[in-house]
Amino acid sequence: MNRRQRNKIVPNIWIIAAKRSDTDHNYFAIYAIDWKRGARLSWEGWTRYEDFLQFRVPVKRKVEGSANSSQPAAKIAKKALFLHLNEAQYKELEQLFYQPFSRKRWKVFFRSISRLH
């Protein structure tokens, strides 16, 4: 793999996290993970699913480059892993997302979430 290929981010998995809170408000975030390169991207801040689907997800073709491409979140939602999380699970996901990349920790997290559903 050459330097240019290493600098590209090609998300292998998309995760849509819906945080349920005690109140009636939900919170949506989208995460992109590139397993091969250990790269992660995230966008968050929607309280309505309809607003989230309108968002165009910008994905850089290269980490150092300036060229961007974008896809509508509605298109990504079709192939994304959708997680309904409570506040504690969402905090765990955020901590995992911002820690040094470890496939083992991600697998353990996905197993713990799937056991609860």
N, C-alpha and C. Protein backbone atom coordinates (compact mmCIF):
# COMPACT_ATOMS: atom_id res chain seq x y z
N MET A 1 0.84 -1.17 0.00
CA MET A 1 0.00 0.00 0.00
C MET A 1 0.90 1.24 0.00
N ASN A 2 0.67 2.13 -0.95
CA ASN A 2 1.50 3.33 -1.01
C ASN A 2 0.97 4.43 -0.09
N ARG A 3 1.69 5.54 0.00
CA ARG A 3 1.34 6.62 0.92
C ARG A 3 -0.02 7.22 0.59
N ARG A 4 -0.30 7.40 -0.68
CA ARG A 4 -1.59 7.98 -1.09
C ARG A 4 -2.74 7.09 -0.65
N GLN A 5 -2.59 5.78 -0.81
CA GLN A 5 -3.64 4.85 -0.42
C GLN A 5 -3.83 4.82 1.09
N ARG A 6 -2.73 4.95 1.84
CA ARG A 6 -2.83 4.96 3.30
C ARG A 6 -3.56 6.19 3.80
N ASN A 7 -3.46 7.30 3.08
CA ASN A 7 -4.09 8.54 3.51
C ASN A 7 -5.57 8.63 3.19
N LYS A 8 -6.08 7.75 2.37
CA LYS A 8 -7.51 7.75 2.07
C LYS A 8 -8.29 7.16 3.23
N ILE A 9 -9.47 7.66 3.43
CA ILE A 9 -10.38 7.08 4.42
C ILE A 9 -11.54 6.47 3.65
N VAL A 10 -11.68 5.18 3.77
CA VAL A 10 -12.77 4.47 3.11
C VAL A 10 -13.58 3.77 4.20
N PRO A 11 -14.70 4.37 4.63
CA PRO A 11 -15.46 3.76 5.72
C PRO A 11 -15.97 2.37 5.36
N ASN A 12 -15.66 1.40 6.23
CA ASN A 12 -16.14 0.04 6.06
C ASN A 12 -17.49 -0.15 6.74
N ILE A 13 -17.70 0.60 7.81
CA ILE A 13 -18.94 0.47 8.56
C ILE A 13 -19.45 1.85 8.94
N TRP A 14 -20.75 2.00 8.82
CA TRP A 14 -21.42 3.23 9.24
C TRP A 14 -22.30 2.87 10.42
N ILE A 15 -22.28 3.70 11.45
CA ILE A 15 -23.09 3.46 12.63
C ILE A 15 -23.95 4.70 12.86
N ILE A 16 -25.26 4.48 13.01
CA ILE A 16 -26.15 5.55 13.39
C ILE A 16 -26.56 5.25 14.83
N ALA A 17 -26.25 6.16 15.72
CA ALA A 17 -26.55 5.98 17.14
C ALA A 17 -27.69 6.92 17.52
N ALA A 18 -28.74 6.34 18.06
CA ALA A 18 -29.86 7.11 18.57
C ALA A 18 -29.83 6.99 20.08
N LYS A 19 -29.53 8.09 20.75
CA LYS A 19 -29.47 8.09 22.21
C LYS A 19 -30.85 8.42 22.75
N ARG A 20 -31.37 7.50 23.53
CA ARG A 20 -32.65 7.72 24.19
C ARG A 20 -32.37 8.34 25.55
N SER A 21 -33.10 9.37 25.88
CA SER A 21 -32.93 10.00 27.18
C SER A 21 -34.21 9.83 27.98
N ASP A 22 -34.16 10.25 29.23
CA ASP A 22 -35.34 10.14 30.10
C ASP A 22 -36.47 11.03 29.63
N THR A 23 -36.09 12.12 28.99
CA THR A 23 -37.12 13.01 28.44
C THR A 23 -37.54 12.46 27.08
N ASP A 24 -38.38 13.18 26.39
CA ASP A 24 -38.89 12.73 25.10
C ASP A 24 -37.92 12.99 23.95
N HIS A 25 -36.80 13.66 24.23
CA HIS A 25 -35.87 14.04 23.17
C HIS A 25 -34.88 12.93 22.86
N ASN A 26 -34.73 12.64 21.58
CA ASN A 26 -33.70 11.72 21.12
C ASN A 26 -32.54 12.54 20.58
N TYR A 27 -31.41 11.88 20.43
CA TYR A 27 -30.21 12.55 19.93
C TYR A 27 -29.57 11.61 18.94
N PHE A 28 -29.31 12.08 17.71
CA PHE A 28 -28.78 11.22 16.65
C PHE A 28 -27.35 11.62 16.30
N ALA A 29 -26.55 10.60 16.02
CA ALA A 29 -25.16 10.81 15.59
C ALA A 29 -24.83 9.74 14.57
N ILE A 30 -23.91 10.06 13.67
CA ILE A 30 -23.46 9.09 12.66
C ILE A 30 -21.95 8.96 12.78
N TYR A 31 -21.49 7.72 12.74
CA TYR A 31 -20.08 7.41 12.87
C TYR A 31 -19.64 6.59 11.66
N ALA A 32 -18.45 6.87 11.16
CA ALA A 32 -17.85 6.11 10.06
C ALA A 32 -16.54 5.54 10.56
N ILE A 33 -16.33 4.24 10.31
CA ILE A 33 -15.11 3.58 10.76
C ILE A 33 -14.45 2.90 9.57
N ASP A 34 -13.15 3.13 9.44
CA ASP A 34 -12.33 2.44 8.44
C ASP A 34 -11.45 1.46 9.22
N TRP A 35 -11.85 0.18 9.23
CA TRP A 35 -11.14 -0.83 10.02
C TRP A 35 -9.70 -0.98 9.57
N LYS A 36 -9.48 -0.93 8.27
CA LYS A 36 -8.14 -1.21 7.73
C LYS A 36 -7.11 -0.18 8.19
N ARG A 37 -7.50 1.09 8.22
CA ARG A 37 -6.57 2.15 8.56
C ARG A 37 -6.74 2.68 9.99
N GLY A 38 -7.77 2.18 10.68
CA GLY A 38 -8.02 2.66 12.04
C GLY A 38 -8.54 4.08 12.08
N ALA A 39 -9.18 4.52 11.02
CA ALA A 39 -9.68 5.89 10.93
C ALA A 39 -11.14 5.95 11.37
N ARG A 40 -11.51 7.06 11.99
CA ARG A 40 -12.87 7.26 12.46
C ARG A 40 -13.31 8.68 12.17
N LEU A 41 -14.55 8.82 11.78
CA LEU A 41 -15.16 10.14 11.57
C LEU A 41 -16.52 10.14 12.25
N SER A 42 -16.97 11.31 12.70
CA SER A 42 -18.29 11.38 13.32
C SER A 42 -18.95 12.73 13.06
N TRP A 43 -20.27 12.70 13.04
CA TRP A 43 -21.10 13.90 12.94
C TRP A 43 -22.25 13.68 13.88
N GLU A 44 -22.61 14.70 14.64
CA GLU A 44 -23.67 14.53 15.62
C GLU A 44 -24.41 15.83 15.86
N GLY A 45 -25.55 15.72 16.53
CA GLY A 45 -26.26 16.91 16.95
C GLY A 45 -27.70 17.04 16.48
N TRP A 46 -28.31 16.00 15.96
CA TRP A 46 -29.68 16.10 15.49
C TRP A 46 -30.63 15.60 16.56
N THR A 47 -31.77 16.27 16.71
CA THR A 47 -32.79 15.81 17.64
C THR A 47 -33.98 15.21 16.90
N ARG A 48 -34.05 15.44 15.60
CA ARG A 48 -35.13 14.86 14.79
C ARG A 48 -34.52 14.00 13.69
N TYR A 49 -35.08 12.81 13.50
CA TYR A 49 -34.56 11.88 12.49
C TYR A 49 -34.72 12.46 11.09
N GLU A 50 -35.78 13.20 10.84
CA GLU A 50 -36.01 13.81 9.52
C GLU A 50 -34.91 14.81 9.18
N ASP A 51 -34.48 15.59 10.16
CA ASP A 51 -33.38 16.54 9.94
C ASP A 51 -32.07 15.80 9.66
N PHE A 52 -31.87 14.71 10.37
CA PHE A 52 -30.67 13.90 10.18
C PHE A 52 -30.61 13.36 8.75
N LEU A 53 -31.72 12.88 8.23
CA LEU A 53 -31.74 12.31 6.87
C LEU A 53 -31.46 13.36 5.80
N GLN A 54 -31.69 14.63 6.08
CA GLN A 54 -31.43 15.71 5.13
C GLN A 54 -29.95 16.06 5.02
N PHE A 55 -29.17 15.69 6.03
CA PHE A 55 -27.76 16.06 6.09
C PHE A 55 -26.96 15.35 5.00
N ARG A 56 -26.05 16.08 4.36
CA ARG A 56 -25.13 15.50 3.39
C ARG A 56 -23.81 15.27 4.09
N VAL A 57 -23.41 14.01 4.21
CA VAL A 57 -22.22 13.62 4.95
C VAL A 57 -20.99 13.91 4.10
N PRO A 58 -20.14 14.86 4.54
CA PRO A 58 -18.91 15.13 3.79
C PRO A 58 -17.83 14.14 4.17
N VAL A 59 -17.25 13.50 3.18
CA VAL A 59 -16.17 12.55 3.41
C VAL A 59 -14.99 12.98 2.57
N LYS A 60 -13.87 13.26 3.22
CA LYS A 60 -12.68 13.64 2.47
C LYS A 60 -12.15 12.43 1.73
N ARG A 61 -11.67 12.67 0.55
CA ARG A 61 -11.06 11.57 -0.21
C ARG A 61 -9.69 11.23 0.36
N LYS A 62 -9.02 12.22 0.92
CA LYS A 62 -7.72 12.02 1.55
C LYS A 62 -7.71 12.80 2.85
N VAL A 63 -6.95 12.33 3.80
CA VAL A 63 -6.84 13.05 5.07
C VAL A 63 -6.20 14.40 4.85
N GLU A 64 -5.13 14.46 4.08
CA GLU A 64 -4.40 15.71 3.88
C GLU A 64 -4.94 16.55 2.74
N GLY A 65 -5.79 15.98 1.91
CA GLY A 65 -6.27 16.69 0.74
C GLY A 65 -7.43 17.61 1.04
N SER A 66 -7.81 18.38 0.04
CA SER A 66 -8.92 19.31 0.21
C SER A 66 -10.15 18.88 -0.56
N ALA A 67 -10.03 17.85 -1.40
CA ALA A 67 -11.16 17.40 -2.21
C ALA A 67 -12.15 16.64 -1.33
N ASN A 68 -13.41 17.02 -1.40
CA ASN A 68 -14.47 16.38 -0.63
C ASN A 68 -15.50 15.79 -1.57
N SER A 69 -16.12 14.75 -1.11
CA SER A 69 -17.31 14.24 -1.77
C SER A 69 -18.35 14.09 -0.67
N SER A 70 -19.59 14.00 -1.01
CA SER A 70 -20.61 13.89 0.02
C SER A 70 -21.69 12.92 -0.42
N GLN A 71 -22.34 12.34 0.56
CA GLN A 71 -23.47 11.44 0.33
C GLN A 71 -24.59 11.87 1.27
N PRO A 72 -25.83 11.76 0.82
CA PRO A 72 -26.92 12.08 1.74
C PRO A 72 -27.00 11.03 2.85
N ALA A 73 -27.32 11.47 4.05
CA ALA A 73 -27.43 10.55 5.19
C ALA A 73 -28.52 9.52 4.95
N ALA A 74 -29.54 9.86 4.18
CA ALA A 74 -30.61 8.90 3.89
C ALA A 74 -30.06 7.70 3.12
N LYS A 75 -29.11 7.92 2.24
CA LYS A 75 -28.51 6.83 1.48
C LYS A 75 -27.62 5.97 2.39
N ILE A 76 -26.89 6.61 3.28
CA ILE A 76 -26.03 5.90 4.21
C ILE A 76 -26.86 5.11 5.21
N ALA A 77 -28.02 5.65 5.60
CA ALA A 77 -28.87 4.99 6.60
C ALA A 77 -29.33 3.60 6.15
N LYS A 78 -29.41 3.39 4.84
CA LYS A 78 -29.84 2.08 4.33
C LYS A 78 -28.84 0.98 4.64
N LYS A 79 -27.55 1.33 4.70
CA LYS A 79 -26.52 0.32 4.92
C LYS A 79 -25.87 0.41 6.30
N ALA A 80 -26.33 1.34 7.12
CA ALA A 80 -25.70 1.58 8.42
C ALA A 80 -26.24 0.64 9.49
N LEU A 81 -25.42 0.44 10.49
CA LEU A 81 -25.82 -0.29 11.69
C LEU A 81 -26.51 0.71 12.59
N PHE A 82 -27.76 0.46 12.92
CA PHE A 82 -28.56 1.40 13.70
C PHE A 82 -28.59 0.93 15.15
N LEU A 83 -28.08 1.74 16.08
CA LEU A 83 -28.03 1.38 17.48
C LEU A 83 -28.94 2.30 18.29
N HIS A 84 -29.84 1.70 19.07
CA HIS A 84 -30.66 2.45 20.02
C HIS A 84 -29.96 2.31 21.37
N LEU A 85 -29.43 3.41 21.88
CA LEU A 85 -28.62 3.37 23.08
C LEU A 85 -29.21 4.21 24.19
N ASN A 86 -29.01 3.77 25.43
CA ASN A 86 -29.36 4.63 26.55
C ASN A 86 -28.17 5.54 26.81
N GLU A 87 -28.28 6.39 27.81
CA GLU A 87 -27.22 7.39 28.03
C GLU A 87 -25.88 6.75 28.40
N ALA A 88 -25.90 5.69 29.21
CA ALA A 88 -24.66 5.03 29.63
C ALA A 88 -23.98 4.35 28.43
N GLN A 89 -24.77 3.69 27.59
CA GLN A 89 -24.22 3.03 26.41
C GLN A 89 -23.66 4.05 25.43
N TYR A 90 -24.33 5.19 25.31
CA TYR A 90 -23.85 6.23 24.40
C TYR A 90 -22.53 6.81 24.88
N LYS A 91 -22.40 7.01 26.19
CA LYS A 91 -21.13 7.49 26.75
C LYS A 91 -20.01 6.48 26.47
N GLU A 92 -20.34 5.19 26.62
CA GLU A 92 -19.35 4.15 26.34
C GLU A 92 -18.93 4.18 24.87
N LEU A 93 -19.88 4.38 23.97
CA LEU A 93 -19.57 4.48 22.54
C LEU A 93 -18.68 5.68 22.27
N GLU A 94 -18.97 6.83 22.86
CA GLU A 94 -18.14 8.01 22.65
C GLU A 94 -16.73 7.81 23.19
N GLN A 95 -16.60 7.21 24.36
CA GLN A 95 -15.27 6.96 24.92
C GLN A 95 -14.49 6.02 24.02
N LEU A 96 -15.15 4.99 23.54
CA LEU A 96 -14.51 4.02 22.65
C LEU A 96 -14.09 4.68 21.35
N PHE A 97 -14.91 5.59 20.86
CA PHE A 97 -14.64 6.25 19.59
C PHE A 97 -13.42 7.15 19.66
N TYR A 98 -13.19 7.78 20.80
CA TYR A 98 -12.09 8.72 20.92
C TYR A 98 -10.84 8.16 21.59
N GLN A 99 -10.86 6.87 21.94
CA GLN A 99 -9.67 6.22 22.48
C GLN A 99 -8.81 5.72 21.32
N PRO A 100 -7.56 5.33 21.61
CA PRO A 100 -6.76 4.70 20.55
C PRO A 100 -7.51 3.49 19.98
N PHE A 101 -7.38 3.31 18.69
CA PHE A 101 -8.17 2.32 17.96
C PHE A 101 -7.82 0.89 18.37
N SER A 102 -8.83 0.11 18.72
CA SER A 102 -8.65 -1.29 19.07
C SER A 102 -9.85 -2.09 18.57
N ARG A 103 -9.60 -2.98 17.62
CA ARG A 103 -10.69 -3.81 17.08
C ARG A 103 -11.31 -4.69 18.16
N LYS A 104 -10.48 -5.16 19.07
CA LYS A 104 -10.97 -6.05 20.13
C LYS A 104 -11.99 -5.32 21.01
N ARG A 105 -11.69 -4.08 21.39
CA ARG A 105 -12.62 -3.30 22.22
C ARG A 105 -13.94 -3.05 21.49
N TRP A 106 -13.84 -2.78 20.17
CA TRP A 106 -15.06 -2.56 19.38
C TRP A 106 -15.91 -3.83 19.34
N LYS A 107 -15.28 -4.98 19.15
CA LYS A 107 -16.04 -6.24 19.10
C LYS A 107 -16.73 -6.51 20.43
N VAL A 108 -16.03 -6.26 21.53
CA VAL A 108 -16.63 -6.45 22.86
C VAL A 108 -17.82 -5.51 23.03
N PHE A 109 -17.68 -4.27 22.59
CA PHE A 109 -18.78 -3.30 22.69
C PHE A 109 -19.98 -3.77 21.88
N PHE A 110 -19.76 -4.19 20.64
CA PHE A 110 -20.88 -4.65 19.80
C PHE A 110 -21.56 -5.88 20.40
N ARG A 111 -20.77 -6.78 20.97
CA ARG A 111 -21.38 -7.96 21.62
C ARG A 111 -22.23 -7.56 22.81
N SER A 112 -21.75 -6.63 23.62
CA SER A 112 -22.51 -6.21 24.79
C SER A 112 -23.81 -5.51 24.39
N ILE A 113 -23.76 -4.73 23.34
CA ILE A 113 -24.98 -4.06 22.85
C ILE A 113 -25.95 -5.08 22.29
N SER A 114 -25.46 -6.04 21.52
CA SER A 114 -26.37 -7.01 20.89
C SER A 114 -27.02 -7.92 21.92
N ARG A 115 -26.34 -8.20 23.03
CA ARG A 115 -26.93 -9.03 24.09
C ARG A 115 -28.09 -8.32 24.77
N LEU A 116 -28.02 -7.01 24.84
CA LEU A 116 -29.06 -6.25 25.51
C LEU A 116 -30.31 -6.07 24.66
N HIS A 117 -30.17 -6.19 23.34
CA HIS A 117 -31.34 -5.97 22.46
C HIS A 117 -32.09 -7.23 22.22
